[in-house]
Amino acid sequence: MTEAPFNILFVCSLNKWRSRTAETLYARHPLINARSAGTSRQARRRVTLADVRWADLILVMEEKHRERLRAEFRQDLRSCELLVLAVEDRFPYMDPRLIEELQAVIDPILESEGIDQ
């Protein structure tokens, strides 16, 4: 089991619905430091180099987000794990269906990292 806080960056396009919901869900976990950001120039909060360097794990919602991060931060992504969750942009912030979908894909990843729920 992980003892020190694990830094997780959640990424979608606009940082309004998916990544922000994931950050809210996992922000209170005692073993996780959670942040969220978007890849778009119109994002509520845009991914920065500092975010990428801070993260132990980056969880992106779609393949296009991984490709955008690789294009912009290729060298700095070598020090962290980057996984695609395959969560589509269908539900608004904190929608119960979005929460259920996020937890269904994120919780097994956390378990594999040794982070107990």
C-alpha atoms as a PDB file:
ATOM      1  CA  MET A   1       0.000   0.000   0.000  1.00  0.00           C
ATOM      2  CA  THR A   2       1.231   3.504  -0.825  1.00  0.00           C
ATOM      3  CA  GLU A   3       1.944   5.585   2.289  1.00  0.00           C
ATOM      4  CA  ALA A   4       3.011   8.946   0.858  1.00  0.00           C
ATOM      5  CA  PRO A   5       0.486  11.037  -1.050  1.00  0.00           C
ATOM      6  CA  PHE A   6       0.267  10.010  -4.698  1.00  0.00           C
ATOM      7  CA  ASN A   7      -0.033  12.929  -7.147  1.00  0.00           C
ATOM      8  CA  ILE A   8      -2.701  12.353  -9.796  1.00  0.00           C
ATOM      9  CA  LEU A   9      -3.464  14.775 -12.613  1.00  0.00           C
ATOM     10  CA  PHE A  10      -6.835  14.296 -14.339  1.00  0.00           C
ATOM     11  CA  VAL A  11      -7.043  15.739 -17.862  1.00  0.00           C
ATOM     12  CA  CYS A  12      -9.834  16.396 -20.362  1.00  0.00           C
ATOM     13  CA  SER A  13     -10.328  19.150 -22.933  1.00  0.00           C
ATOM     14  CA  LEU A  14     -11.958  22.048 -21.105  1.00  0.00           C
ATOM     15  CA  ASN A  15     -11.541  21.036 -17.436  1.00  0.00           C
ATOM     16  CA  LYS A  16     -15.228  21.688 -16.837  1.00  0.00           C
ATOM     17  CA  TRP A  17     -16.905  18.300 -16.490  1.00  0.00           C
ATOM     18  CA  ARG A  18     -14.869  15.087 -16.551  1.00  0.00           C
ATOM     19  CA  SER A  19     -11.456  15.963 -15.150  1.00  0.00           C
ATOM     20  CA  ARG A  20     -12.938  18.408 -12.669  1.00  0.00           C
ATOM     21  CA  THR A  21     -15.387  15.775 -11.424  1.00  0.00           C
ATOM     22  CA  ALA A  22     -12.551  13.262 -11.034  1.00  0.00           C
ATOM     23  CA  GLU A  23     -10.501  15.800  -9.071  1.00  0.00           C
ATOM     24  CA  THR A  24     -13.453  16.505  -6.773  1.00  0.00           C
ATOM     25  CA  LEU A  25     -14.082  12.775  -6.227  1.00  0.00           C
ATOM     26  CA  TYR A  26     -10.507  11.917  -5.282  1.00  0.00           C
ATOM     27  CA  ALA A  27      -9.391  15.162  -3.593  1.00  0.00           C
ATOM     28  CA  ARG A  28     -10.479  13.939  -0.158  1.00  0.00           C
ATOM     29  CA  HIS A  29      -8.693  10.608  -0.419  1.00  0.00           C
ATOM     30  CA  PRO A  30      -5.986  10.564   2.288  1.00  0.00           C
ATOM     31  CA  LEU A  31      -3.360   9.031  -0.008  1.00  0.00           C
ATOM     32  CA  ILE A  32      -4.004  11.174  -3.099  1.00  0.00           C
ATOM     33  CA  ASN A  33      -3.179  14.718  -4.098  1.00  0.00           C
ATOM     34  CA  ALA A  34      -5.533  15.434  -7.003  1.00  0.00           C
ATOM     35  CA  ARG A  35      -5.413  18.147  -9.661  1.00  0.00           C
ATOM     36  CA  SER A  36      -7.261  18.612 -12.917  1.00  0.00           C
ATOM     37  CA  ALA A  37      -6.642  20.577 -16.063  1.00  0.00           C
ATOM     38  CA  GLY A  38      -7.578  20.769 -19.722  1.00  0.00           C
ATOM     39  CA  THR A  39      -5.673  20.559 -22.973  1.00  0.00           C
ATOM     40  CA  SER A  40      -7.644  23.258 -24.806  1.00  0.00           C
ATOM     41  CA  ARG A  41      -6.667  26.914 -24.888  1.00  0.00           C
ATOM     42  CA  GLN A  42     -10.218  27.595 -23.709  1.00  0.00           C
ATOM     43  CA  ALA A  43      -9.856  25.295 -20.687  1.00  0.00           C
ATOM     44  CA  ARG A  44     -11.015  26.509 -17.306  1.00  0.00           C
ATOM     45  CA  ARG A  45      -7.497  25.601 -16.119  1.00  0.00           C
ATOM     46  CA  ARG A  46      -4.916  24.578 -18.731  1.00  0.00           C
ATOM     47  CA  VAL A  47      -2.294  21.854 -18.220  1.00  0.00           C
ATOM     48  CA  THR A  48       1.118  23.340 -17.402  1.00  0.00           C
ATOM     49  CA  LEU A  49       4.635  21.967 -17.346  1.00  0.00           C
ATOM     50  CA  ALA A  50       4.519  22.285 -13.555  1.00  0.00           C
ATOM     51  CA  ASP A  51       1.433  20.003 -13.490  1.00  0.00           C
ATOM     52  CA  VAL A  52       3.172  17.371 -15.603  1.00  0.00           C
ATOM     53  CA  ARG A  53       6.313  17.457 -13.467  1.00  0.00           C
ATOM     54  CA  TRP A  54       4.224  17.279 -10.274  1.00  0.00           C
ATOM     55  CA  ALA A  55       2.240  14.201 -11.327  1.00  0.00           C
ATOM     56  CA  ASP A  56       3.070  10.609 -10.466  1.00  0.00           C
ATOM     57  CA  LEU A  57       0.161   9.519 -12.651  1.00  0.00           C
ATOM     58  CA  ILE A  58      -1.732  11.359 -15.384  1.00  0.00           C
ATOM     59  CA  LEU A  59      -5.196  10.051 -16.234  1.00  0.00           C
ATOM     60  CA  VAL A  60      -6.619  11.454 -19.467  1.00  0.00           C
ATOM     61  CA  MET A  61     -10.187  10.994 -20.585  1.00  0.00           C
ATOM     62  CA  GLU A  62      -9.521  10.311 -24.283  1.00  0.00           C
ATOM     63  CA  GLU A  63      -6.701   9.289 -26.601  1.00  0.00           C
ATOM     64  CA  LYS A  64      -6.626  12.795 -28.114  1.00  0.00           C
ATOM     65  CA  HIS A  65      -5.673  14.193 -24.698  1.00  0.00           C
ATOM     66  CA  ARG A  66      -2.733  11.796 -24.428  1.00  0.00           C
ATOM     67  CA  GLU A  67      -1.567  12.804 -27.898  1.00  0.00           C
ATOM     68  CA  ARG A  68      -1.803  16.515 -27.062  1.00  0.00           C
ATOM     69  CA  LEU A  69       0.210  16.018 -23.873  1.00  0.00           C
ATOM     70  CA  ARG A  70       2.818  13.966 -25.722  1.00  0.00           C
ATOM     71  CA  ALA A  71       3.125  16.678 -28.377  1.00  0.00           C
ATOM     72  CA  GLU A  72       3.587  19.443 -25.820  1.00  0.00           C
ATOM     73  CA  PHE A  73       5.422  17.731 -22.943  1.00  0.00           C
ATOM     74  CA  ARG A  74       7.135  14.668 -24.454  1.00  0.00           C
ATOM     75  CA  GLN A  75      10.387  14.891 -22.466  1.00  0.00           C
ATOM     76  CA  ASP A  76       8.677  15.548 -19.142  1.00  0.00           C
ATOM     77  CA  LEU A  77       6.176  12.708 -19.497  1.00  0.00           C
ATOM     78  CA  ARG A  78       8.948  10.148 -19.128  1.00  0.00           C
ATOM     79  CA  SER A  79       8.888  10.452 -15.335  1.00  0.00           C
ATOM     80  CA  CYS A  80       5.221   9.583 -14.840  1.00  0.00           C
ATOM     81  CA  GLU A  81       2.654   7.062 -15.985  1.00  0.00           C
ATOM     82  CA  LEU A  82       0.060   8.259 -18.524  1.00  0.00           C
ATOM     83  CA  LEU A  83      -3.158   6.284 -18.994  1.00  0.00           C
ATOM     84  CA  VAL A  84      -6.290   6.794 -21.104  1.00  0.00           C
ATOM     85  CA  LEU A  85      -9.580   6.241 -19.250  1.00  0.00           C
ATOM     86  CA  ALA A  86     -11.837   6.234 -22.343  1.00  0.00           C
ATOM     87  CA  VAL A  87     -14.521   8.344 -20.668  1.00  0.00           C
ATOM     88  CA  GLU A  88     -16.611  10.218 -23.220  1.00  0.00           C
ATOM     89  CA  ASP A  89     -17.829  13.790 -22.794  1.00  0.00           C
ATOM     90  CA  ARG A  90     -21.502  12.988 -22.132  1.00  0.00           C
ATOM     91  CA  PHE A  91     -22.408  14.174 -18.658  1.00  0.00           C
ATOM     92  CA  PRO A  92     -22.029  17.488 -16.783  1.00  0.00           C
ATOM     93  CA  TYR A  93     -19.928  18.141 -13.698  1.00  0.00           C
ATOM     94  CA  MET A  94     -20.732  15.791 -10.784  1.00  0.00           C
ATOM     95  CA  ASP A  95     -23.527  14.013 -12.667  1.00  0.00           C
ATOM     96  CA  PRO A  96     -24.162  10.675 -10.886  1.00  0.00           C
ATOM     97  CA  ARG A  97     -23.680   8.779 -14.175  1.00  0.00           C
ATOM     98  CA  LEU A  98     -20.305  10.468 -14.714  1.00  0.00           C
ATOM     99  CA  ILE A  99     -19.254   9.710 -11.137  1.00  0.00           C
ATOM    100  CA  GLU A 100     -20.162   6.056 -11.592  1.00  0.00           C
ATOM    101  CA  GLU A 101     -18.290   5.823 -14.896  1.00  0.00           C
ATOM    102  CA  LEU A 102     -15.179   7.530 -13.512  1.00  0.00           C
ATOM    103  CA  GLN A 103     -15.059   5.370 -10.389  1.00  0.00           C
ATOM    104  CA  ALA A 104     -15.498   2.212 -12.458  1.00  0.00           C
ATOM    105  CA  VAL A 105     -12.310   2.947 -14.418  1.00  0.00           C
ATOM    106  CA  ILE A 106     -10.225   4.841 -11.843  1.00  0.00           C
ATOM    107  CA  ASP A 107     -10.685   2.624  -8.767  1.00  0.00           C
ATOM    108  CA  PRO A 108      -9.065  -0.459 -10.386  1.00  0.00           C
ATOM    109  CA  ILE A 109      -6.105   1.701 -11.469  1.00  0.00           C
ATOM    110  CA  LEU A 110      -5.668   2.951  -7.915  1.00  0.00           C
ATOM    111  CA  GLU A 111      -5.827  -0.600  -6.594  1.00  0.00           C
ATOM    112  CA  SER A 112      -3.131  -1.656  -9.057  1.00  0.00           C
ATOM    113  CA  GLU A 113      -0.984   1.246  -7.771  1.00  0.00           C
ATOM    114  CA  GLY A 114      -1.446  -0.016  -4.210  1.00  0.00           C
ATOM    115  CA  ILE A 115      -3.772   2.783  -3.160  1.00  0.00           C
ATOM    116  CA  ASP A 116      -6.589   1.446  -0.996  1.00  0.00           C
ATOM    117  CA  GLN A 117     -10.003   2.999  -1.221  1.00  0.00           C
END
